[in-house]
Amino acid sequence: MNEGNQLDIHETQAVREIQEEPQYVDEQLLPMQRIEGGGPIKRVPLHTMPAPLRIFGYLFLGFMALMGVMALVVTFFR
C-alpha cells in the first residue's frame, strides 16, 4: 500500500492538527447565533481550501488590490 512517496495517512485524516482560536462573541448577537446554529462567524484561511478555490481566492484578492492601486493612480494623475 505504501508506494514510494505516498504518505501512510487516511484520506480524511488531517496532516497536521488545526488550532482553533477563541472567537469574539457579541453578547447581543448570541441568541440569534444559537437559533441559527452556526455559531460565530469564522475567518476562512485560504491555505486550507482546495487548489482551484485557493487560486481563485488569490486571483480575486490580487485583482481587488490592483483595482485599488489603479484607482489611486487615476485619482492622482488625472
PDB file of N, CA and C in Angstrom:
ATOM      1  N   MET A   1       0.821  -1.194   0.000  1.00  0.00           N
ATOM      2  CA  MET A   1       0.000   0.000   0.000  1.00  0.00           C
ATOM      3  C   MET A   1       0.864   1.258   0.000  1.00  0.00           C
ATOM      4  N   ASN A   2       1.966   1.246   0.702  1.00  0.00           N
ATOM      5  CA  ASN A   2       2.834   2.414   0.757  1.00  0.00           C
ATOM      6  C   ASN A   2       3.809   2.366  -0.409  1.00  0.00           C
ATOM      7  N   GLU A   3       3.516   3.119  -1.461  1.00  0.00           N
ATOM      8  CA  GLU A   3       4.333   3.098  -2.670  1.00  0.00           C
ATOM      9  C   GLU A   3       5.230   4.324  -2.724  1.00  0.00           C
ATOM     10  N   GLY A   4       6.482   4.156  -2.437  1.00  0.00           N
ATOM     11  CA  GLY A   4       7.456   5.229  -2.591  1.00  0.00           C
ATOM     12  C   GLY A   4       7.167   6.460  -1.759  1.00  0.00           C
ATOM     13  N   ASN A   5       6.651   7.503  -2.407  1.00  0.00           N
ATOM     14  CA  ASN A   5       6.499   8.795  -1.740  1.00  0.00           C
ATOM     15  C   ASN A   5       5.102   9.044  -1.184  1.00  0.00           C
ATOM     16  N   GLN A   6       4.218   8.062  -1.212  1.00  0.00           N
ATOM     17  CA  GLN A   6       2.879   8.267  -0.662  1.00  0.00           C
ATOM     18  C   GLN A   6       2.932   8.234   0.860  1.00  0.00           C
ATOM     19  N   LEU A   7       2.160   9.094   1.464  1.00  0.00           N
ATOM     20  CA  LEU A   7       2.102   9.131   2.920  1.00  0.00           C
ATOM     21  C   LEU A   7       1.243   7.989   3.436  1.00  0.00           C
ATOM     22  N   ASP A   8       1.571   7.496   4.587  1.00  0.00           N
ATOM     23  CA  ASP A   8       0.790   6.446   5.219  1.00  0.00           C
ATOM     24  C   ASP A   8      -0.278   7.111   6.087  1.00  0.00           C
ATOM     25  N   ILE A   9      -1.262   7.717   5.426  1.00  0.00           N
ATOM     26  CA  ILE A   9      -2.277   8.501   6.120  1.00  0.00           C
ATOM     27  C   ILE A   9      -3.614   8.300   5.424  1.00  0.00           C
ATOM     28  N   HIS A  10      -4.671   8.298   6.181  1.00  0.00           N
ATOM     29  CA  HIS A  10      -6.009   8.146   5.611  1.00  0.00           C
ATOM     30  C   HIS A  10      -6.416   9.430   4.901  1.00  0.00           C
ATOM     31  N   GLU A  11      -7.224   9.307   3.855  1.00  0.00           N
ATOM     32  CA  GLU A  11      -7.597  10.461   3.035  1.00  0.00           C
ATOM     33  C   GLU A  11      -8.256  11.584   3.833  1.00  0.00           C
ATOM     34  N   THR A  12      -9.103  11.242   4.781  1.00  0.00           N
ATOM     35  CA  THR A  12      -9.822  12.274   5.531  1.00  0.00           C
ATOM     36  C   THR A  12      -9.107  12.687   6.811  1.00  0.00           C
ATOM     37  N   GLN A  13      -7.994  12.074   7.101  1.00  0.00           N
ATOM     38  CA  GLN A  13      -7.250  12.405   8.308  1.00  0.00           C
ATOM     39  C   GLN A  13      -6.411  13.654   8.064  1.00  0.00           C
ATOM     40  N   ALA A  14      -6.442  14.579   8.999  1.00  0.00           N
ATOM     41  CA  ALA A  14      -5.684  15.821   8.852  1.00  0.00           C
ATOM     42  C   ALA A  14      -4.189  15.535   8.931  1.00  0.00           C
ATOM     43  N   VAL A  15      -3.424  16.208   8.087  1.00  0.00           N
ATOM     44  CA  VAL A  15      -1.976  16.042   8.098  1.00  0.00           C
ATOM     45  C   VAL A  15      -1.392  16.675   9.355  1.00  0.00           C
ATOM     46  N   ARG A  16      -1.923  17.829   9.731  1.00  0.00           N
ATOM     47  CA  ARG A  16      -1.473  18.474  10.957  1.00  0.00           C
ATOM     48  C   ARG A  16      -2.701  18.925  11.739  1.00  0.00           C
ATOM     49  N   GLU A  17      -2.531  19.065  13.008  1.00  0.00           N
ATOM     50  CA  GLU A  17      -3.639  19.443  13.869  1.00  0.00           C
ATOM     51  C   GLU A  17      -4.005  20.908  13.648  1.00  0.00           C
ATOM     52  N   ILE A  18      -5.290  21.186  13.546  1.00  0.00           N
ATOM     53  CA  ILE A  18      -5.760  22.547  13.314  1.00  0.00           C
ATOM     54  C   ILE A  18      -6.016  23.209  14.663  1.00  0.00           C
ATOM     55  N   GLN A  19      -5.426  24.375  14.856  1.00  0.00           N
ATOM     56  CA  GLN A  19      -5.608  25.121  16.094  1.00  0.00           C
ATOM     57  C   GLN A  19      -6.786  26.074  15.933  1.00  0.00           C
ATOM     58  N   GLU A  20      -7.752  25.977  16.802  1.00  0.00           N
ATOM     59  CA  GLU A  20      -8.895  26.878  16.754  1.00  0.00           C
ATOM     60  C   GLU A  20      -8.657  28.024  17.725  1.00  0.00           C
ATOM     61  N   GLU A  21      -8.820  29.245  17.228  1.00  0.00           N
ATOM     62  CA  GLU A  21      -8.653  30.421  18.069  1.00  0.00           C
ATOM     63  C   GLU A  21      -9.985  30.745  18.737  1.00  0.00           C
ATOM     64  N   PRO A  22      -9.938  31.238  19.970  1.00  0.00           N
ATOM     65  CA  PRO A  22     -11.195  31.666  20.590  1.00  0.00           C
ATOM     66  C   PRO A  22     -11.760  32.855  19.818  1.00  0.00           C
ATOM     67  N   GLN A  23     -13.025  32.786  19.482  1.00  0.00           N
ATOM     68  CA  GLN A  23     -13.666  33.811  18.669  1.00  0.00           C
ATOM     69  C   GLN A  23     -14.360  34.838  19.567  1.00  0.00           C
ATOM     70  N   TYR A  24     -14.398  36.076  19.080  1.00  0.00           N
ATOM     71  CA  TYR A  24     -15.141  37.124  19.775  1.00  0.00           C
ATOM     72  C   TYR A  24     -16.625  36.847  19.611  1.00  0.00           C
ATOM     73  N   VAL A  25     -17.378  36.913  20.687  1.00  0.00           N
ATOM     74  CA  VAL A  25     -18.816  36.682  20.636  1.00  0.00           C
ATOM     75  C   VAL A  25     -19.512  37.929  21.151  1.00  0.00           C
ATOM     76  N   ASP A  26     -20.317  38.542  20.305  1.00  0.00           N
ATOM     77  CA  ASP A  26     -21.106  39.699  20.703  1.00  0.00           C
ATOM     78  C   ASP A  26     -22.297  39.190  21.510  1.00  0.00           C
ATOM     79  N   GLU A  27     -22.421  39.653  22.736  1.00  0.00           N
ATOM     80  CA  GLU A  27     -23.466  39.156  23.631  1.00  0.00           C
ATOM     81  C   GLU A  27     -24.871  39.438  23.108  1.00  0.00           C
ATOM     82  N   GLN A  28     -25.046  40.524  22.353  1.00  0.00           N
ATOM     83  CA  GLN A  28     -26.366  40.843  21.817  1.00  0.00           C
ATOM     84  C   GLN A  28     -26.738  39.923  20.654  1.00  0.00           C
ATOM     85  N   LEU A  29     -25.739  39.411  19.945  1.00  0.00           N
ATOM     86  CA  LEU A  29     -25.998  38.528  18.812  1.00  0.00           C
ATOM     87  C   LEU A  29     -26.007  37.052  19.198  1.00  0.00           C
ATOM     88  N   LEU A  30     -25.608  36.731  20.417  1.00  0.00           N
ATOM     89  CA  LEU A  30     -25.503  35.344  20.837  1.00  0.00           C
ATOM     90  C   LEU A  30     -26.816  34.570  20.699  1.00  0.00           C
ATOM     91  N   PRO A  31     -27.979  35.109  21.104  1.00  0.00           N
ATOM     92  CA  PRO A  31     -29.225  34.344  20.914  1.00  0.00           C
ATOM     93  C   PRO A  31     -29.522  34.045  19.441  1.00  0.00           C
ATOM     94  N   MET A  32     -29.262  35.007  18.552  1.00  0.00           N
ATOM     95  CA  MET A  32     -29.505  34.768  17.125  1.00  0.00           C
ATOM     96  C   MET A  32     -28.553  33.708  16.586  1.00  0.00           C
ATOM     97  N   GLN A  33     -27.311  33.715  17.065  1.00  0.00           N
ATOM     98  CA  GLN A  33     -26.351  32.718  16.608  1.00  0.00           C
ATOM     99  C   GLN A  33     -26.742  31.325  17.088  1.00  0.00           C
ATOM    100  N   ARG A  34     -27.304  31.242  18.279  1.00  0.00           N
ATOM    101  CA  ARG A  34     -27.755  29.940  18.785  1.00  0.00           C
ATOM    102  C   ARG A  34     -28.962  29.441  18.005  1.00  0.00           C
ATOM    103  N   ILE A  35     -29.872  30.355  17.623  1.00  0.00           N
ATOM    104  CA  ILE A  35     -31.051  29.968  16.849  1.00  0.00           C
ATOM    105  C   ILE A  35     -30.627  29.441  15.486  1.00  0.00           C
ATOM    106  N   GLU A  36     -29.711  30.138  14.834  1.00  0.00           N
ATOM    107  CA  GLU A  36     -29.255  29.725  13.509  1.00  0.00           C
ATOM    108  C   GLU A  36     -28.409  28.463  13.574  1.00  0.00           C
ATOM    109  N   GLY A  37     -27.777  28.224  14.686  1.00  0.00           N
ATOM    110  CA  GLY A  37     -26.981  27.021  14.839  1.00  0.00           C
ATOM    111  C   GLY A  37     -25.606  27.103  14.211  1.00  0.00           C
ATOM    112  N   GLY A  38     -25.254  28.252  13.679  1.00  0.00           N
ATOM    113  CA  GLY A  38     -23.963  28.367  13.008  1.00  0.00           C
ATOM    114  C   GLY A  38     -22.853  28.809  13.925  1.00  0.00           C
ATOM    115  N   GLY A  39     -23.194  29.423  15.023  1.00  0.00           N
ATOM    116  CA  GLY A  39     -22.174  29.946  15.916  1.00  0.00           C
ATOM    117  C   GLY A  39     -21.572  31.218  15.363  1.00  0.00           C
ATOM    118  N   PRO A  40     -20.494  31.678  15.966  1.00  0.00           N
ATOM    119  CA  PRO A  40     -19.874  32.918  15.495  1.00  0.00           C
ATOM    120  C   PRO A  40     -19.240  32.728  14.117  1.00  0.00           C
ATOM    121  N   ILE A  41     -19.136  33.812  13.383  1.00  0.00           N
ATOM    122  CA  ILE A  41     -18.535  33.773  12.059  1.00  0.00           C
ATOM    123  C   ILE A  41     -17.049  33.483  12.210  1.00  0.00           C
ATOM    124  N   LYS A  42     -16.552  32.542  11.427  1.00  0.00           N
ATOM    125  CA  LYS A  42     -15.139  32.182  11.484  1.00  0.00           C
ATOM    126  C   LYS A  42     -14.445  32.661  10.221  1.00  0.00           C
ATOM    127  N   ARG A  43     -13.232  33.131  10.376  1.00  0.00           N
ATOM    128  CA  ARG A  43     -12.432  33.522   9.222  1.00  0.00           C
ATOM    129  C   ARG A  43     -11.942  32.251   8.532  1.00  0.00           C
ATOM    130  N   VAL A  44     -12.061  32.215   7.219  1.00  0.00           N
ATOM    131  CA  VAL A  44     -11.662  31.031   6.467  1.00  0.00           C
ATOM    132  C   VAL A  44     -10.246  31.222   5.943  1.00  0.00           C
ATOM    133  N   PRO A  45      -9.286  30.447   6.429  1.00  0.00           N
ATOM    134  CA  PRO A  45      -7.927  30.558   5.894  1.00  0.00           C
ATOM    135  C   PRO A  45      -7.852  29.951   4.499  1.00  0.00           C
ATOM    136  N   LEU A  46      -7.298  30.701   3.543  1.00  0.00           N
ATOM    137  CA  LEU A  46      -7.252  30.232   2.161  1.00  0.00           C
ATOM    138  C   LEU A  46      -6.354  29.012   1.993  1.00  0.00           C
ATOM    139  N   HIS A  47      -5.319  28.869   2.827  1.00  0.00           N
ATOM    140  CA  HIS A  47      -4.399  27.746   2.630  1.00  0.00           C
ATOM    141  C   HIS A  47      -5.039  26.395   2.931  1.00  0.00           C
ATOM    142  N   THR A  48      -6.238  26.371   3.548  1.00  0.00           N
ATOM    143  CA  THR A  48      -6.912  25.104   3.822  1.00  0.00           C
ATOM    144  C   THR A  48      -7.901  24.725   2.731  1.00  0.00           C
ATOM    145  N   MET A  49      -8.107  25.595   1.759  1.00  0.00           N
ATOM    146  CA  MET A  49      -9.065  25.336   0.682  1.00  0.00           C
ATOM    147  C   MET A  49      -8.461  24.436  -0.398  1.00  0.00           C
ATOM    148  N   PRO A  50      -9.315  23.788  -1.199  1.00  0.00           N
ATOM    149  CA  PRO A  50      -8.806  23.038  -2.351  1.00  0.00           C
ATOM    150  C   PRO A  50      -8.117  23.984  -3.334  1.00  0.00           C
ATOM    151  N   ALA A  51      -7.218  23.448  -4.135  1.00  0.00           N
ATOM    152  CA  ALA A  51      -6.382  24.259  -5.031  1.00  0.00           C
ATOM    153  C   ALA A  51      -7.182  25.191  -5.948  1.00  0.00           C
ATOM    154  N   PRO A  52      -8.257  24.742  -6.634  1.00  0.00           N
ATOM    155  CA  PRO A  52      -8.973  25.678  -7.515  1.00  0.00           C
ATOM    156  C   PRO A  52      -9.578  26.864  -6.758  1.00  0.00           C
ATOM    157  N   LEU A  53     -10.142  26.615  -5.581  1.00  0.00           N
ATOM    158  CA  LEU A  53     -10.705  27.714  -4.787  1.00  0.00           C
ATOM    159  C   LEU A  53      -9.611  28.630  -4.261  1.00  0.00           C
ATOM    160  N   ARG A  54      -8.492  28.045  -3.882  1.00  0.00           N
ATOM    161  CA  ARG A  54      -7.365  28.833  -3.386  1.00  0.00           C
ATOM    162  C   ARG A  54      -6.832  29.747  -4.484  1.00  0.00           C
ATOM    163  N   ILE A  55      -6.687  29.203  -5.698  1.00  0.00           N
ATOM    164  CA  ILE A  55      -6.205  30.003  -6.825  1.00  0.00           C
ATOM    165  C   ILE A  55      -7.187  31.123  -7.128  1.00  0.00           C
ATOM    166  N   PHE A  56      -8.484  30.799  -7.164  1.00  0.00           N
ATOM    167  CA  PHE A  56      -9.499  31.824  -7.414  1.00  0.00           C
ATOM    168  C   PHE A  56      -9.455  32.898  -6.333  1.00  0.00           C
ATOM    169  N   GLY A  57      -9.312  32.501  -5.078  1.00  0.00           N
ATOM    170  CA  GLY A  57      -9.258  33.459  -3.978  1.00  0.00           C
ATOM    171  C   GLY A  57      -8.070  34.393  -4.080  1.00  0.00           C
ATOM    172  N   TYR A  58      -6.900  33.828  -4.391  1.00  0.00           N
ATOM    173  CA  TYR A  58      -5.708  34.664  -4.531  1.00  0.00           C
ATOM    174  C   TYR A  58      -5.823  35.589  -5.738  1.00  0.00           C
ATOM    175  N   LEU A  59      -6.385  35.086  -6.849  1.00  0.00           N
ATOM    176  CA  LEU A  59      -6.581  35.940  -8.023  1.00  0.00           C
ATOM    177  C   LEU A  59      -7.568  37.071  -7.716  1.00  0.00           C
ATOM    178  N   PHE A  60      -8.633  36.743  -6.995  1.00  0.00           N
ATOM    179  CA  PHE A  60      -9.634  37.751  -6.636  1.00  0.00           C
ATOM    180  C   PHE A  60      -9.017  38.823  -5.733  1.00  0.00           C
ATOM    181  N   LEU A  61      -8.265  38.398  -4.721  1.00  0.00           N
ATOM    182  CA  LEU A  61      -7.627  39.369  -3.827  1.00  0.00           C
ATOM    183  C   LEU A  61      -6.605  40.218  -4.579  1.00  0.00           C
ATOM    184  N   GLY A  62      -5.856  39.596  -5.476  1.00  0.00           N
ATOM    185  CA  GLY A  62      -4.893  40.340  -6.286  1.00  0.00           C
ATOM    186  C   GLY A  62      -5.579  41.341  -7.199  1.00  0.00           C
ATOM    187  N   PHE A  63      -6.697  40.928  -7.796  1.00  0.00           N
ATOM    188  CA  PHE A  63      -7.457  41.821  -8.665  1.00  0.00           C
ATOM    189  C   PHE A  63      -7.998  43.012  -7.877  1.00  0.00           C
ATOM    190  N   MET A  64      -8.502  42.760  -6.676  1.00  0.00           N
ATOM    191  CA  MET A  64      -9.025  43.853  -5.848  1.00  0.00           C
ATOM    192  C   MET A  64      -7.901  44.815  -5.448  1.00  0.00           C
ATOM    193  N   ALA A  65      -6.738  44.290  -5.120  1.00  0.00           N
ATOM    194  CA  ALA A  65      -5.599  45.149  -4.785  1.00  0.00           C
ATOM    195  C   ALA A  65      -5.179  45.970  -6.002  1.00  0.00           C
ATOM    196  N   LEU A  66      -5.145  45.343  -7.176  1.00  0.00           N
ATOM    197  CA  LEU A  66      -4.795  46.042  -8.408  1.00  0.00           C
ATOM    198  C   LEU A  66      -5.803  47.147  -8.711  1.00  0.00           C
ATOM    199  N   MET A  67      -7.078  46.884  -8.494  1.00  0.00           N
ATOM    200  CA  MET A  67      -8.109  47.903  -8.728  1.00  0.00           C
ATOM    201  C   MET A  67      -7.925  49.081  -7.769  1.00  0.00           C
ATOM    202  N   GLY A  68      -7.561  48.798  -6.523  1.00  0.00           N
ATOM    203  CA  GLY A  68      -7.308  49.874  -5.568  1.00  0.00           C
ATOM    204  C   GLY A  68      -6.124  50.729  -5.973  1.00  0.00           C
ATOM    205  N   VAL A  69      -5.054  50.081  -6.410  1.00  0.00           N
ATOM    206  CA  VAL A  69      -3.868  50.819  -6.864  1.00  0.00           C
ATOM    207  C   VAL A  69      -4.205  51.640  -8.100  1.00  0.00           C
ATOM    208  N   MET A  70      -4.928  51.054  -9.036  1.00  0.00           N
ATOM    209  CA  MET A  70      -5.303  51.769 -10.262  1.00  0.00           C
ATOM    210  C   MET A  70      -6.205  52.967  -9.941  1.00  0.00           C
ATOM    211  N   ALA A  71      -7.097  52.822  -8.968  1.00  0.00           N
ATOM    212  CA  ALA A  71      -7.951  53.941  -8.574  1.00  0.00           C
ATOM    213  C   ALA A  71      -7.104  55.087  -8.023  1.00  0.00           C
ATOM    214  N   LEU A  72      -6.092  54.756  -7.221  1.00  0.00           N
ATOM    215  CA  LEU A  72      -5.206  55.794  -6.694  1.00  0.00           C
ATOM    216  C   LEU A  72      -4.404  56.458  -7.808  1.00  0.00           C
ATOM    217  N   VAL A  73      -3.902  55.677  -8.750  1.00  0.00           N
ATOM    218  CA  VAL A  73      -3.124  56.222  -9.864  1.00  0.00           C
ATOM    219  C   VAL A  73      -3.982  57.154 -10.701  1.00  0.00           C
ATOM    220  N   VAL A  74      -5.191  56.730 -11.018  1.00  0.00           N
ATOM    221  CA  VAL A  74      -6.087  57.564 -11.831  1.00  0.00           C
ATOM    222  C   VAL A  74      -6.459  58.837 -11.077  1.00  0.00           C
ATOM    223  N   THR A  75      -6.659  58.724  -9.765  1.00  0.00           N
ATOM    224  CA  THR A  75      -7.033  59.891  -8.973  1.00  0.00           C
ATOM    225  C   THR A  75      -5.908  60.926  -8.931  1.00  0.00           C
ATOM    226  N   PHE A  76      -4.672  60.478  -8.730  1.00  0.00           N
ATOM    227  CA  PHE A  76      -3.564  61.417  -8.587  1.00  0.00           C
ATOM    228  C   PHE A  76      -3.026  61.944  -9.915  1.00  0.00           C
ATOM    229  N   PHE A  77      -3.103  61.180 -10.975  1.00  0.00           N
ATOM    230  CA  PHE A  77      -2.533  61.595 -12.258  1.00  0.00           C
ATOM    231  C   PHE A  77      -3.579  61.986 -13.283  1.00  0.00           C
ATOM    232  N   ARG A  78      -4.723  62.337 -12.851  1.00  0.00           N
ATOM    233  CA  ARG A  78      -5.813  62.717 -13.748  1.00  0.00           C
ATOM    234  C   ARG A  78      -5.662  64.111 -14.231  1.00  0.00           C
TER     235      ARG A  78
END
